């Protein structure tokens, strides 16, 4: 008999379902995990990088990763630098618009 496994990676839990070829549920399981909300529009990318880094063994947990990755002071300083650069190159950006594809 053939089987199908379904995996749902949700925002607060992972759910797994095993069904046979007739659609009968053979087994199911779920496991909750902590919900972490990133105050950043790049949240999905950061989350994927976090999961990859933990999966590769670079960090042992989400908490350890966050301790090394989240540097609010550095981002605040970098944002101020970006704002200075942006005002200096704003006109160049406007000129480059005609080359958008």
PDB file of N, CA and C in Angstrom:
ATOM      1  N   UNK A   1       0.845  -1.179   0.000  1.00  0.00           N
ATOM      2  CA  UNK A   1       0.000   0.000   0.000  1.00  0.00           C
ATOM      3  C   UNK A   1       0.892   1.244   0.000  1.00  0.00           C
ATOM      4  N   UNK A   2       0.438   2.273  -0.697  1.00  0.00           N
ATOM      5  CA  UNK A   2       1.170   3.533  -0.753  1.00  0.00           C
ATOM      6  C   UNK A   2       0.607   4.495   0.287  1.00  0.00           C
ATOM      7  N   UNK A   3       1.488   5.401   0.760  1.00  0.00           N
ATOM      8  CA  UNK A   3       1.102   6.362   1.780  1.00  0.00           C
ATOM      9  C   UNK A   3       1.491   7.777   1.343  1.00  0.00           C
ATOM     10  N   UNK A   4       0.800   8.737   1.917  1.00  0.00           N
ATOM     11  CA  UNK A   4       1.091  10.145   1.673  1.00  0.00           C
ATOM     12  C   UNK A   4       1.267  10.812   3.028  1.00  0.00           C
ATOM     13  N   UNK A   5       2.282  11.651   3.140  1.00  0.00           N
ATOM     14  CA  UNK A   5       2.485  12.399   4.369  1.00  0.00           C
ATOM     15  C   UNK A   5       2.315  13.880   4.063  1.00  0.00           C
ATOM     16  N   UNK A   6       1.579  14.564   4.909  1.00  0.00           N
ATOM     17  CA  UNK A   6       1.387  16.004   4.773  1.00  0.00           C
ATOM     18  C   UNK A   6       1.998  16.703   5.965  1.00  0.00           C
ATOM     19  N   UNK A   7       2.700  17.788   5.694  1.00  0.00           N
ATOM     20  CA  UNK A   7       3.343  18.554   6.764  1.00  0.00           C
ATOM     21  C   UNK A   7       2.906  20.001   6.642  1.00  0.00           C
ATOM     22  N   UNK A   8       2.395  20.548   7.736  1.00  0.00           N
ATOM     23  CA  UNK A   8       1.949  21.940   7.788  1.00  0.00           C
ATOM     24  C   UNK A   8       2.815  22.679   8.792  1.00  0.00           C
ATOM     25  N   UNK A   9       3.676  23.564   8.280  1.00  0.00           N
ATOM     26  CA  UNK A   9       4.503  24.390   9.154  1.00  0.00           C
ATOM     27  C   UNK A   9       3.780  25.711   9.367  1.00  0.00           C
ATOM     28  N   UNK A  10       3.048  25.812  10.445  1.00  0.00           N
ATOM     29  CA  UNK A  10       2.294  27.020  10.743  1.00  0.00           C
ATOM     30  C   UNK A  10       3.108  28.011  11.542  1.00  0.00           C
ATOM     31  N   UNK A  11       2.454  29.087  11.942  1.00  0.00           N
ATOM     32  CA  UNK A  11       3.160  30.132  12.692  1.00  0.00           C
ATOM     33  C   UNK A  11       3.379  29.761  14.152  1.00  0.00           C
ATOM     34  N   UNK A  12       2.601  28.806  14.678  1.00  0.00           N
ATOM     35  CA  UNK A  12       2.761  28.456  16.090  1.00  0.00           C
ATOM     36  C   UNK A  12       2.875  26.953  16.331  1.00  0.00           C
ATOM     37  N   UNK A  13       2.761  26.146  15.272  1.00  0.00           N
ATOM     38  CA  UNK A  13       2.854  24.698  15.449  1.00  0.00           C
ATOM     39  C   UNK A  13       3.176  24.026  14.122  1.00  0.00           C
ATOM     40  N   UNK A  14       3.695  22.813  14.229  1.00  0.00           N
ATOM     41  CA  UNK A  14       3.876  21.964  13.060  1.00  0.00           C
ATOM     42  C   UNK A  14       2.882  20.817  13.204  1.00  0.00           C
ATOM     43  N   UNK A  15       2.209  20.466  12.106  1.00  0.00           N
ATOM     44  CA  UNK A  15       1.231  19.378  12.106  1.00  0.00           C
ATOM     45  C   UNK A  15       1.630  18.395  11.014  1.00  0.00           C
ATOM     46  N   UNK A  16       1.522  17.106  11.318  1.00  0.00           N
ATOM     47  CA  UNK A  16       1.890  16.065  10.370  1.00  0.00           C
ATOM     48  C   UNK A  16       0.737  15.065  10.282  1.00  0.00           C
ATOM     49  N   UNK A  17       0.423  14.645   9.076  1.00  0.00           N
ATOM     50  CA  UNK A  17      -0.673  13.704   8.831  1.00  0.00           C
ATOM     51  C   UNK A  17      -0.179  12.634   7.867  1.00  0.00           C
ATOM     52  N   UNK A  18      -0.426  11.369   8.203  1.00  0.00           N
ATOM     53  CA  UNK A  18      -0.086  10.248   7.340  1.00  0.00           C
ATOM     54  C   UNK A  18      -1.393   9.592   6.889  1.00  0.00           C
ATOM     55  N   UNK A  19      -1.567   9.479   5.565  1.00  0.00           N
ATOM     56  CA  UNK A  19      -2.778   8.875   5.003  1.00  0.00           C
ATOM     57  C   UNK A  19      -2.392   7.757   4.053  1.00  0.00           C
ATOM     58  N   UNK A  20      -3.287   6.753   3.937  1.00  0.00           N
ATOM     59  CA  UNK A  20      -3.042   5.713   2.943  1.00  0.00           C
ATOM     60  C   UNK A  20      -3.617   6.149   1.606  1.00  0.00           C
ATOM     61  N   UNK A  21      -3.457   5.332   0.591  1.00  0.00           N
ATOM     62  CA  UNK A  21      -3.886   5.703  -0.756  1.00  0.00           C
ATOM     63  C   UNK A  21      -5.401   5.818  -0.884  1.00  0.00           C
ATOM     64  N   UNK A  22      -6.136   5.318   0.086  1.00  0.00           N
ATOM     65  CA  UNK A  22      -7.595   5.432   0.085  1.00  0.00           C
ATOM     66  C   UNK A  22      -8.085   6.672   0.835  1.00  0.00           C
ATOM     67  N   UNK A  23      -7.157   7.456   1.367  1.00  0.00           N
ATOM     68  CA  UNK A  23      -7.522   8.668   2.078  1.00  0.00           C
ATOM     69  C   UNK A  23      -7.790   8.472   3.557  1.00  0.00           C
ATOM     70  N   UNK A  24      -7.533   7.259   4.077  1.00  0.00           N
ATOM     71  CA  UNK A  24      -7.740   6.996   5.500  1.00  0.00           C
ATOM     72  C   UNK A  24      -6.552   7.520   6.298  1.00  0.00           C
ATOM     73  N   UNK A  25      -6.849   8.252   7.370  1.00  0.00           N
ATOM     74  CA  UNK A  25      -5.798   8.758   8.239  1.00  0.00           C
ATOM     75  C   UNK A  25      -5.190   7.602   9.024  1.00  0.00           C
ATOM     76  N   UNK A  26      -3.889   7.449   8.909  1.00  0.00           N
ATOM     77  CA  UNK A  26      -3.156   6.402   9.615  1.00  0.00           C
ATOM     78  C   UNK A  26      -2.586   6.943  10.921  1.00  0.00           C
ATOM     79  N   UNK A  27      -2.041   8.148  10.865  1.00  0.00           N
ATOM     80  CA  UNK A  27      -1.459   8.764  12.058  1.00  0.00           C
ATOM     81  C   UNK A  27      -1.441  10.270  11.871  1.00  0.00           C
ATOM     82  N   UNK A  28      -1.487  10.968  12.987  1.00  0.00           N
ATOM     83  CA  UNK A  28      -1.347  12.422  12.949  1.00  0.00           C
ATOM     84  C   UNK A  28      -0.693  12.888  14.237  1.00  0.00           C
ATOM     85  N   UNK A  29      -0.007  14.010  14.141  1.00  0.00           N
ATOM     86  CA  UNK A  29       0.674  14.574  15.301  1.00  0.00           C
ATOM     87  C   UNK A  29       0.844  16.066  15.097  1.00  0.00           C
ATOM     88  N   UNK A  30       1.003  16.762  16.206  1.00  0.00           N
ATOM     89  CA  UNK A  30       1.294  18.199  16.135  1.00  0.00           C
ATOM     90  C   UNK A  30       2.161  18.575  17.320  1.00  0.00           C
ATOM     91  N   UNK A  31       2.895  19.637  17.142  1.00  0.00           N
ATOM     92  CA  UNK A  31       3.776  20.141  18.197  1.00  0.00           C
ATOM     93  C   UNK A  31       3.773  21.655  18.131  1.00  0.00           C
ATOM     94  N   UNK A  32       3.430  22.291  19.242  1.00  0.00           N
ATOM     95  CA  UNK A  32       3.455  23.754  19.315  1.00  0.00           C
ATOM     96  C   UNK A  32       4.875  24.240  19.539  1.00  0.00           C
ATOM     97  N   UNK A  33       5.152  25.423  19.066  1.00  0.00           N
ATOM     98  CA  UNK A  33       6.414  26.072  19.348  1.00  0.00           C
ATOM     99  C   UNK A  33       6.138  27.550  19.573  1.00  0.00           C
ATOM    100  N   UNK A  34       7.076  28.262  20.212  1.00  0.00           N
ATOM    101  CA  UNK A  34       6.810  29.667  20.544  1.00  0.00           C
ATOM    102  C   UNK A  34       6.634  30.528  19.302  1.00  0.00           C
ATOM    103  N   UNK A  35       5.717  31.454  19.389  1.00  0.00           N
ATOM    104  CA  UNK A  35       5.467  32.403  18.315  1.00  0.00           C
ATOM    105  C   UNK A  35       6.354  33.609  18.533  1.00  0.00           C
ATOM    106  N   UNK A  36       7.140  33.946  17.529  1.00  0.00           N
ATOM    107  CA  UNK A  36       8.027  35.105  17.605  1.00  0.00           C
ATOM    108  C   UNK A  36       7.656  36.040  16.478  1.00  0.00           C
ATOM    109  N   UNK A  37       7.321  37.256  16.810  1.00  0.00           N
ATOM    110  CA  UNK A  37       6.952  38.231  15.798  1.00  0.00           C
ATOM    111  C   UNK A  37       8.103  39.203  15.601  1.00  0.00           C
ATOM    112  N   UNK A  38       8.553  39.308  14.373  1.00  0.00           N
ATOM    113  CA  UNK A  38       9.656  40.198  14.045  1.00  0.00           C
ATOM    114  C   UNK A  38       9.075  41.540  13.604  1.00  0.00           C
ATOM    115  N   UNK A  39       9.527  42.600  14.207  1.00  0.00           N
ATOM    116  CA  UNK A  39       9.053  43.944  13.842  1.00  0.00           C
ATOM    117  C   UNK A  39       9.874  44.446  12.664  1.00  0.00           C
ATOM    118  N   UNK A  40       9.750  43.730  11.553  1.00  0.00           N
ATOM    119  CA  UNK A  40      10.571  44.013  10.394  1.00  0.00           C
ATOM    120  C   UNK A  40       9.873  43.435   9.171  1.00  0.00           C
ATOM    121  N   UNK A  41       9.836  44.167   8.084  1.00  0.00           N
ATOM    122  CA  UNK A  41       9.179  43.652   6.882  1.00  0.00           C
ATOM    123  C   UNK A  41       9.945  42.492   6.261  1.00  0.00           C
ATOM    124  N   UNK A  42      11.174  42.286   6.689  1.00  0.00           N
ATOM    125  CA  UNK A  42      11.973  41.178   6.177  1.00  0.00           C
ATOM    126  C   UNK A  42      11.819  39.937   7.048  1.00  0.00           C
ATOM    127  N   UNK A  43      10.780  39.916   7.873  1.00  0.00           N
ATOM    128  CA  UNK A  43      10.562  38.813   8.804  1.00  0.00           C
ATOM    129  C   UNK A  43      10.647  37.428   8.194  1.00  0.00           C
ATOM    130  N   UNK A  44       9.967  37.152   7.066  1.00  0.00           N
ATOM    131  CA  UNK A  44      10.051  35.806   6.502  1.00  0.00           C
ATOM    132  C   UNK A  44      11.475  35.408   6.121  1.00  0.00           C
ATOM    133  N   UNK A  45      12.217  36.334   5.528  1.00  0.00           N
ATOM    134  CA  UNK A  45      13.601  36.030   5.159  1.00  0.00           C
ATOM    135  C   UNK A  45      14.476  35.809   6.373  1.00  0.00           C
ATOM    136  N   UNK A  46      14.285  36.644   7.385  1.00  0.00           N
ATOM    137  CA  UNK A  46      15.058  36.501   8.619  1.00  0.00           C
ATOM    138  C   UNK A  46      14.707  35.174   9.290  1.00  0.00           C
ATOM    139  N   UNK A  47      13.412  34.843   9.288  1.00  0.00           N
ATOM    140  CA  UNK A  47      12.984  33.581   9.890  1.00  0.00           C
ATOM    141  C   UNK A  47      13.581  32.382   9.177  1.00  0.00           C
ATOM    142  N   UNK A  48      13.603  32.418   7.855  1.00  0.00           N
ATOM    143  CA  UNK A  48      14.189  31.322   7.087  1.00  0.00           C
ATOM    144  C   UNK A  48      15.681  31.194   7.370  1.00  0.00           C
ATOM    145  N   UNK A  49      16.364  32.328   7.453  1.00  0.00           N
ATOM    146  CA  UNK A  49      17.800  32.309   7.762  1.00  0.00           C
ATOM    147  C   UNK A  49      18.036  31.756   9.162  1.00  0.00           C
ATOM    148  N   UNK A  50      17.162  32.130  10.093  1.00  0.00           N
ATOM    149  CA  UNK A  50      17.285  31.659  11.467  1.00  0.00           C
ATOM    150  C   UNK A  50      17.120  30.139  11.523  1.00  0.00           C
ATOM    151  N   UNK A  51      16.088  29.639  10.863  1.00  0.00           N
ATOM    152  CA  UNK A  51      15.847  28.191  10.862  1.00  0.00           C
ATOM    153  C   UNK A  51      17.009  27.453  10.208  1.00  0.00           C
ATOM    154  N   UNK A  52      17.527  27.999   9.115  1.00  0.00           N
ATOM    155  CA  UNK A  52      18.662  27.366   8.437  1.00  0.00           C
ATOM    156  C   UNK A  52      19.890  27.337   9.339  1.00  0.00           C
ATOM    157  N   UNK A  53      20.176  28.449  10.004  1.00  0.00           N
ATOM    158  CA  UNK A  53      21.354  28.528  10.864  1.00  0.00           C
ATOM    159  C   UNK A  53      21.246  27.542  12.029  1.00  0.00           C
ATOM    160  N   UNK A  54      20.060  27.419  12.594  1.00  0.00           N
ATOM    161  CA  UNK A  54      19.862  26.466  13.693  1.00  0.00           C
ATOM    162  C   UNK A  54      19.958  25.041  13.158  1.00  0.00           C
ATOM    163  N   UNK A  55      19.337  24.793  11.984  1.00  0.00           N
ATOM    164  CA  UNK A  55      19.398  23.466  11.375  1.00  0.00           C
ATOM    165  C   UNK A  55      20.816  23.025  11.036  1.00  0.00           C
ATOM    166  N   UNK A  56      21.665  23.982  10.663  1.00  0.00           N
ATOM    167  CA  UNK A  56      23.060  23.669  10.343  1.00  0.00           C
ATOM    168  C   UNK A  56      23.926  23.510  11.586  1.00  0.00           C
ATOM    169  N   UNK A  57      23.335  23.806  12.741  1.00  0.00           N
ATOM    170  CA  UNK A  57      24.089  23.671  13.983  1.00  0.00           C
ATOM    171  C   UNK A  57      24.917  24.882  14.342  1.00  0.00           C
ATOM    172  N   UNK A  58      24.734  25.976  13.623  1.00  0.00           N
ATOM    173  CA  UNK A  58      25.493  27.182  13.930  1.00  0.00           C
ATOM    174  C   UNK A  58      25.036  27.777  15.255  1.00  0.00           C
ATOM    175  N   UNK A  59      23.776  27.596  15.584  1.00  0.00           N
ATOM    176  CA  UNK A  59      23.194  28.048  16.846  1.00  0.00           C
ATOM    177  C   UNK A  59      22.357  26.917  17.397  1.00  0.00           C
ATOM    178  N   UNK A  60      22.260  26.825  18.725  1.00  0.00           N
ATOM    179  CA  UNK A  60      21.534  25.711  19.330  1.00  0.00           C
ATOM    180  C   UNK A  60      20.054  26.002  19.531  1.00  0.00           C
ATOM    181  N   UNK A  61      19.658  27.288  19.449  1.00  0.00           N
ATOM    182  CA  UNK A  61      18.256  27.628  19.683  1.00  0.00           C
ATOM    183  C   UNK A  61      17.928  28.977  19.064  1.00  0.00           C
ATOM    184  N   UNK A  62      16.637  29.277  18.987  1.00  0.00           N
ATOM    185  CA  UNK A  62      16.194  30.583  18.500  1.00  0.00           C
ATOM    186  C   UNK A  62      16.710  31.683  19.416  1.00  0.00           C
ATOM    187  N   UNK A  63      16.666  31.417  20.716  1.00  0.00           N
ATOM    188  CA  UNK A  63      17.127  32.423  21.674  1.00  0.00           C
ATOM    189  C   UNK A  63      18.602  32.745  21.488  1.00  0.00           C
ATOM    190  N   UNK A  64      19.427  31.712  21.290  1.00  0.00           N
ATOM    191  CA  UNK A  64      20.861  31.945  21.073  1.00  0.00           C
ATOM    192  C   UNK A  64      21.094  32.732  19.793  1.00  0.00           C
ATOM    193  N   UNK A  65      20.358  32.381  18.743  1.00  0.00           N
ATOM    194  CA  UNK A  65      20.477  33.099  17.478  1.00  0.00           C
ATOM    195  C   UNK A  65      20.133  34.570  17.667  1.00  0.00           C
ATOM    196  N   UNK A  66      19.026  34.839  18.348  1.00  0.00           N
ATOM    197  CA  UNK A  66      18.578  36.221  18.545  1.00  0.00           C
ATOM    198  C   UNK A  66      19.607  37.040  19.317  1.00  0.00           C
ATOM    199  N   UNK A  67      20.253  36.417  20.306  1.00  0.00           N
ATOM    200  CA  UNK A  67      21.279  37.132  21.084  1.00  0.00           C
ATOM    201  C   UNK A  67      22.415  37.615  20.184  1.00  0.00           C
ATOM    202  N   UNK A  68      22.772  36.828  19.193  1.00  0.00           N
ATOM    203  CA  UNK A  68      23.884  37.185  18.306  1.00  0.00           C
ATOM    204  C   UNK A  68      23.457  38.032  17.121  1.00  0.00           C
ATOM    205  N   UNK A  69      22.190  37.922  16.728  1.00  0.00           N
ATOM    206  CA  UNK A  69      21.746  38.573  15.508  1.00  0.00           C
ATOM    207  C   UNK A  69      21.106  39.928  15.726  1.00  0.00           C
ATOM    208  N   UNK A  70      20.288  40.062  16.730  1.00  0.00           N
ATOM    209  CA  UNK A  70      19.508  41.280  16.922  1.00  0.00           C
ATOM    210  C   UNK A  70      20.365  42.333  17.609  1.00  0.00           C
ATOM    211  N   UNK A  71      20.741  43.334  16.852  1.00  0.00           N
ATOM    212  CA  UNK A  71      21.593  44.420  17.347  1.00  0.00           C
ATOM    213  C   UNK A  71      20.898  45.747  17.055  1.00  0.00           C
ATOM    214  N   UNK A  72      19.946  46.099  17.888  1.00  0.00           N
ATOM    215  CA  UNK A  72      19.124  47.288  17.653  1.00  0.00           C
ATOM    216  C   UNK A  72      19.982  48.539  17.540  1.00  0.00           C
ATOM    217  N   UNK A  73      20.968  48.675  18.400  1.00  0.00           N
ATOM    218  CA  UNK A  73      21.809  49.877  18.374  1.00  0.00           C
ATOM    219  C   UNK A  73      22.537  50.004  17.036  1.00  0.00           C
ATOM    220  N   UNK A  74      23.070  48.901  16.548  1.00  0.00           N
ATOM    221  CA  UNK A  74      23.788  48.928  15.271  1.00  0.00           C
ATOM    222  C   UNK A  74      22.845  49.298  14.135  1.00  0.00           C
ATOM    223  N   UNK A  75      21.638  48.738  14.129  1.00  0.00           N
ATOM    224  CA  UNK A  75      20.689  49.055  13.060  1.00  0.00           C
ATOM    225  C   UNK A  75      20.248  50.507  13.120  1.00  0.00           C
ATOM    226  N   UNK A  76      20.110  51.039  14.319  1.00  0.00           N
ATOM    227  CA  UNK A  76      19.736  52.443  14.456  1.00  0.00           C
ATOM    228  C   UNK A  76      20.813  53.333  13.858  1.00  0.00           C
ATOM    229  N   UNK A  77      22.065  53.033  14.154  1.00  0.00           N
ATOM    230  CA  UNK A  77      23.174  53.811  13.610  1.00  0.00           C
ATOM    231  C   UNK A  77      23.273  53.646  12.087  1.00  0.00           C
ATOM    232  N   UNK A  78      23.108  52.420  11.614  1.00  0.00           N
ATOM    233  CA  UNK A  78      23.159  52.190  10.165  1.00  0.00           C
ATOM    234  C   UNK A  78      22.024  52.912   9.443  1.00  0.00           C
ATOM    235  N   UNK A  79      20.865  52.966  10.068  1.00  0.00           N
ATOM    236  CA  UNK A  79      19.733  53.654   9.449  1.00  0.00           C
ATOM    237  C   UNK A  79      20.026  55.148   9.298  1.00  0.00           C
ATOM    238  N   UNK A  80      20.657  55.737  10.277  1.00  0.00           N
ATOM    239  CA  UNK A  80      21.021  57.158  10.183  1.00  0.00           C
ATOM    240  C   UNK A  80      22.018  57.384   9.050  1.00  0.00           C
ATOM    241  N   UNK A  81      22.961  56.479   8.886  1.00  0.00           N
ATOM    242  CA  UNK A  81      23.920  56.576   7.773  1.00  0.00           C
ATOM    243  C   UNK A  81      23.186  56.443   6.441  1.00  0.00           C
ATOM    244  N   UNK A  82      22.275  55.479   6.359  1.00  0.00           N
ATOM    245  CA  UNK A  82      21.490  55.293   5.144  1.00  0.00           C
ATOM    246  C   UNK A  82      20.729  56.564   4.784  1.00  0.00           C
ATOM    247  N   UNK A  83      20.126  57.206   5.768  1.00  0.00           N
ATOM    248  CA  UNK A  83      19.363  58.429   5.502  1.00  0.00           C
ATOM    249  C   UNK A  83      20.256  59.515   4.913  1.00  0.00           C
ATOM    250  N   UNK A  84      21.482  59.629   5.396  1.00  0.00           N
ATOM    251  CA  UNK A  84      22.419  60.612   4.849  1.00  0.00           C
ATOM    252  C   UNK A  84      22.772  60.262   3.404  1.00  0.00           C
ATOM    253  N   UNK A  85      23.049  58.993   3.168  1.00  0.00           N
ATOM    254  CA  UNK A  85      23.398  58.561   1.813  1.00  0.00           C
ATOM    255  C   UNK A  85      22.231  58.795   0.872  1.00  0.00           C
ATOM    256  N   UNK A  86      21.014  58.446   1.313  1.00  0.00           N
ATOM    257  CA  UNK A  86      19.843  58.570   0.461  1.00  0.00           C
ATOM    258  C   UNK A  86      19.641  60.010   0.007  1.00  0.00           C
ATOM    259  N   UNK A  87      19.774  60.953   0.898  1.00  0.00           N
ATOM    260  CA  UNK A  87      19.569  62.352   0.498  1.00  0.00           C
ATOM    261  C   UNK A  87      20.623  62.788  -0.512  1.00  0.00           C
ATOM    262  N   UNK A  88      21.815  62.197  -0.425  1.00  0.00           N
ATOM    263  CA  UNK A  88      22.879  62.559  -1.353  1.00  0.00           C
ATOM    264  C   UNK A  88      22.694  61.935  -2.741  1.00  0.00           C
ATOM    265  N   UNK A  89      22.041  60.772  -2.805  1.00  0.00           N
ATOM    266  CA  UNK A  89      21.893  60.101  -4.102  1.00  0.00           C
ATOM    267  C   UNK A  89      20.456  60.099  -4.618  1.00  0.00           C
ATOM    268  N   UNK A  90      19.583  60.828  -3.972  1.00  0.00           N
ATOM    269  CA  UNK A  90      18.169  60.842  -4.363  1.00  0.00           C
ATOM    270  C   UNK A  90      17.995  61.207  -5.841  1.00  0.00           C
ATOM    271  N   UNK A  91      18.681  62.229  -6.296  1.00  0.00           N
ATOM    272  CA  UNK A  91      18.556  62.655  -7.687  1.00  0.00           C
ATOM    273  C   UNK A  91      19.065  61.588  -8.651  1.00  0.00           C
ATOM    274  N   UNK A  92      20.149  60.910  -8.282  1.00  0.00           N
ATOM    275  CA  UNK A  92      20.653  59.823  -9.120  1.00  0.00           C
ATOM    276  C   UNK A  92      19.612  58.702  -9.246  1.00  0.00           C
ATOM    277  N   UNK A  93      18.956  58.385  -8.145  1.00  0.00           N
ATOM    278  CA  UNK A  93      17.905  57.361  -8.185  1.00  0.00           C
ATOM    279  C   UNK A  93      16.776  57.765  -9.128  1.00  0.00           C
ATOM    280  N   UNK A  94      16.404  59.023  -9.113  1.00  0.00           N
ATOM    281  CA  UNK A  94      15.358  59.502 -10.015  1.00  0.00           C
ATOM    282  C   UNK A  94      15.800  59.351 -11.472  1.00  0.00           C
ATOM    283  N   UNK A  95      17.047  59.650 -11.744  1.00  0.00           N
ATOM    284  CA  UNK A  95      17.574  59.518 -13.106  1.00  0.00           C
ATOM    285  C   UNK A  95      17.609  58.073 -13.575  1.00  0.00           C
ATOM    286  N   UNK A  96      17.810  57.145 -12.659  1.00  0.00           N
ATOM    287  CA  UNK A  96      17.886  55.723 -13.010  1.00  0.00           C
ATOM    288  C   UNK A  96      16.521  55.072 -13.238  1.00  0.00           C
ATOM    289  N   UNK A  97      15.439  55.761 -12.894  1.00  0.00           N
ATOM    290  CA  UNK A  97      14.101  55.185 -13.053  1.00  0.00           C
ATOM    291  C   UNK A  97      13.806  54.761 -14.483  1.00  0.00           C
ATOM    292  N   UNK A  98      14.321  55.508 -15.451  1.00  0.00           N
ATOM    293  CA  UNK A  98      14.004  55.181 -16.847  1.00  0.00           C
ATOM    294  C   UNK A  98      14.574  53.841 -17.279  1.00  0.00           C
ATOM    295  N   UNK A  99      15.468  53.261 -16.483  1.00  0.00           N
ATOM    296  CA  UNK A  99      16.078  51.993 -16.829  1.00  0.00           C
ATOM    297  C   UNK A  99      15.390  50.800 -16.148  1.00  0.00           C
ATOM    298  N   UNK A 100      14.284  51.040 -15.444  1.00  0.00           N
ATOM    299  CA  UNK A 100      13.550  49.935 -14.817  1.00  0.00           C
ATOM    300  C   UNK A 100      13.006  49.014 -15.884  1.00  0.00           C
ATOM    301  N   UNK A 101      12.968  47.741 -15.590  1.00  0.00           N
ATOM    302  CA  UNK A 101      12.484  46.773 -16.567  1.00  0.00           C
ATOM    303  C   UNK A 101      11.106  46.329 -16.217  1.00  0.00           C
TER     304      UNK A 101
END
